[in-house]
């Protein structure tokens, strides 16, 4: 969606944050993890602020 709005750098940054979060094993139950939605959101936020 970010790319659609002409924000390719932000889209890439968000994709990297998602990849880092999932690689760290921070996943919600629907995809095999144990984290709450709030935990995933915090991890994504933390990855974006690095």
N, C-alpha and C. Protein backbone atom coordinates (compact mmCIF):
# COMPACT_ATOMS: atom_id res chain seq x y z
N UNK A 1 0.83 -1.18 0.00
CA UNK A 1 0.00 0.00 0.00
C UNK A 1 0.88 1.25 0.00
N UNK A 2 1.95 1.25 0.77
CA UNK A 2 2.83 2.42 0.80
C UNK A 2 3.42 2.70 -0.57
N UNK A 3 3.80 1.65 -1.27
CA UNK A 3 4.33 1.84 -2.63
C UNK A 3 3.26 2.45 -3.53
N UNK A 4 2.04 2.02 -3.39
CA UNK A 4 0.93 2.55 -4.18
C UNK A 4 0.77 4.06 -3.96
N UNK A 5 1.07 4.52 -2.75
CA UNK A 5 0.97 5.94 -2.43
C UNK A 5 2.26 6.70 -2.73
N UNK A 6 3.19 6.03 -3.41
CA UNK A 6 4.43 6.70 -3.81
C UNK A 6 5.45 6.82 -2.69
N UNK A 7 5.44 5.88 -1.77
CA UNK A 7 6.36 5.89 -0.63
C UNK A 7 7.22 4.62 -0.62
N UNK A 8 8.05 4.43 -1.63
CA UNK A 8 8.81 3.18 -1.72
C UNK A 8 9.82 2.99 -0.60
N UNK A 9 10.43 4.06 -0.12
CA UNK A 9 11.43 3.93 0.95
C UNK A 9 10.77 3.49 2.25
N UNK A 10 9.62 4.07 2.53
CA UNK A 10 8.89 3.68 3.74
C UNK A 10 8.38 2.25 3.63
N UNK A 11 7.97 1.84 2.44
CA UNK A 11 7.52 0.47 2.23
C UNK A 11 8.66 -0.51 2.47
N UNK A 12 9.84 -0.19 1.98
CA UNK A 12 11.00 -1.06 2.18
C UNK A 12 11.37 -1.13 3.66
N UNK A 13 11.30 0.00 4.33
CA UNK A 13 11.64 0.04 5.76
C UNK A 13 10.67 -0.82 6.57
N UNK A 14 9.39 -0.73 6.26
CA UNK A 14 8.39 -1.54 6.95
C UNK A 14 8.59 -3.02 6.64
N UNK A 15 8.91 -3.35 5.41
CA UNK A 15 9.17 -4.75 5.04
C UNK A 15 10.35 -5.30 5.82
N UNK A 16 11.40 -4.51 5.96
CA UNK A 16 12.57 -4.96 6.74
C UNK A 16 12.19 -5.18 8.21
N UNK A 17 11.36 -4.31 8.75
CA UNK A 17 10.91 -4.46 10.14
C UNK A 17 10.08 -5.73 10.31
N UNK A 18 9.22 -6.01 9.36
CA UNK A 18 8.42 -7.23 9.40
C UNK A 18 9.32 -8.46 9.32
N UNK A 19 10.29 -8.43 8.41
CA UNK A 19 11.21 -9.56 8.27
C UNK A 19 12.01 -9.77 9.55
N UNK A 20 12.47 -8.70 10.18
CA UNK A 20 13.25 -8.82 11.42
C UNK A 20 12.39 -9.38 12.54
N UNK A 21 11.16 -8.92 12.62
CA UNK A 21 10.26 -9.38 13.68
C UNK A 21 9.92 -10.85 13.53
N UNK A 22 9.58 -11.26 12.32
CA UNK A 22 9.25 -12.67 12.12
C UNK A 22 10.49 -13.56 12.25
N UNK A 23 11.64 -13.07 11.80
CA UNK A 23 12.87 -13.85 11.94
C UNK A 23 13.23 -14.07 13.41
N UNK A 24 12.85 -13.11 14.25
CA UNK A 24 13.10 -13.23 15.68
C UNK A 24 12.10 -14.17 16.36
N UNK A 25 11.15 -14.68 15.58
CA UNK A 25 10.18 -15.62 16.12
C UNK A 25 9.01 -14.96 16.82
N UNK A 26 8.84 -13.67 16.62
CA UNK A 26 7.73 -12.95 17.25
C UNK A 26 6.55 -13.04 16.29
N UNK A 27 5.68 -14.00 16.59
CA UNK A 27 4.56 -14.33 15.71
C UNK A 27 3.29 -14.49 16.53
N UNK A 28 2.16 -14.15 15.93
CA UNK A 28 0.89 -14.39 16.59
C UNK A 28 0.49 -15.86 16.42
N UNK A 29 -0.48 -16.29 17.20
CA UNK A 29 -0.89 -17.70 17.19
C UNK A 29 -1.39 -18.17 15.83
N UNK A 30 -2.01 -17.28 15.06
CA UNK A 30 -2.57 -17.69 13.77
C UNK A 30 -1.50 -18.10 12.76
N UNK A 31 -0.25 -17.73 13.03
CA UNK A 31 0.84 -18.14 12.14
C UNK A 31 1.89 -18.97 12.89
N UNK A 32 1.45 -19.61 13.97
CA UNK A 32 2.31 -20.56 14.66
C UNK A 32 3.10 -20.03 15.84
N UNK A 33 2.87 -18.80 16.23
CA UNK A 33 3.61 -18.23 17.36
C UNK A 33 2.78 -18.21 18.62
N UNK A 34 3.29 -17.48 19.60
CA UNK A 34 2.59 -17.37 20.88
C UNK A 34 2.39 -15.92 21.30
N UNK A 35 2.87 -14.98 20.51
CA UNK A 35 2.81 -13.57 20.87
C UNK A 35 1.41 -13.01 20.68
N UNK A 36 1.07 -12.06 21.52
CA UNK A 36 -0.18 -11.31 21.37
C UNK A 36 0.01 -10.26 20.28
N UNK A 37 -1.07 -9.78 19.75
CA UNK A 37 -1.00 -8.73 18.72
C UNK A 37 -0.21 -7.53 19.23
N UNK A 38 -0.41 -7.18 20.48
CA UNK A 38 0.30 -6.05 21.07
C UNK A 38 1.81 -6.28 21.07
N UNK A 39 2.23 -7.53 21.31
CA UNK A 39 3.66 -7.86 21.32
C UNK A 39 4.27 -7.70 19.93
N UNK A 40 3.54 -8.15 18.93
CA UNK A 40 4.03 -8.03 17.55
C UNK A 40 4.10 -6.56 17.16
N UNK A 41 3.08 -5.80 17.52
CA UNK A 41 3.06 -4.38 17.21
C UNK A 41 4.24 -3.67 17.86
N UNK A 42 4.52 -3.97 19.12
CA UNK A 42 5.65 -3.35 19.82
C UNK A 42 6.96 -3.73 19.15
N UNK A 43 7.10 -4.99 18.78
CA UNK A 43 8.33 -5.43 18.11
C UNK A 43 8.52 -4.73 16.78
N UNK A 44 7.45 -4.55 16.03
CA UNK A 44 7.52 -3.81 14.76
C UNK A 44 7.91 -2.37 15.01
N UNK A 45 7.31 -1.74 15.98
CA UNK A 45 7.63 -0.35 16.32
C UNK A 45 9.11 -0.24 16.72
N UNK A 46 9.55 -1.17 17.56
CA UNK A 46 10.95 -1.15 17.99
C UNK A 46 11.89 -1.31 16.79
N UNK A 47 11.55 -2.20 15.87
CA UNK A 47 12.39 -2.42 14.68
C UNK A 47 12.41 -1.17 13.79
N UNK A 48 11.34 -0.43 13.76
CA UNK A 48 11.28 0.79 12.95
C UNK A 48 12.05 1.95 13.57
N UNK A 49 12.21 1.93 14.87
CA UNK A 49 12.87 3.04 15.55
C UNK A 49 14.37 2.84 15.73
N UNK A 50 14.88 1.74 15.20
CA UNK A 50 16.32 1.48 15.32
C UNK A 50 17.05 2.28 14.27
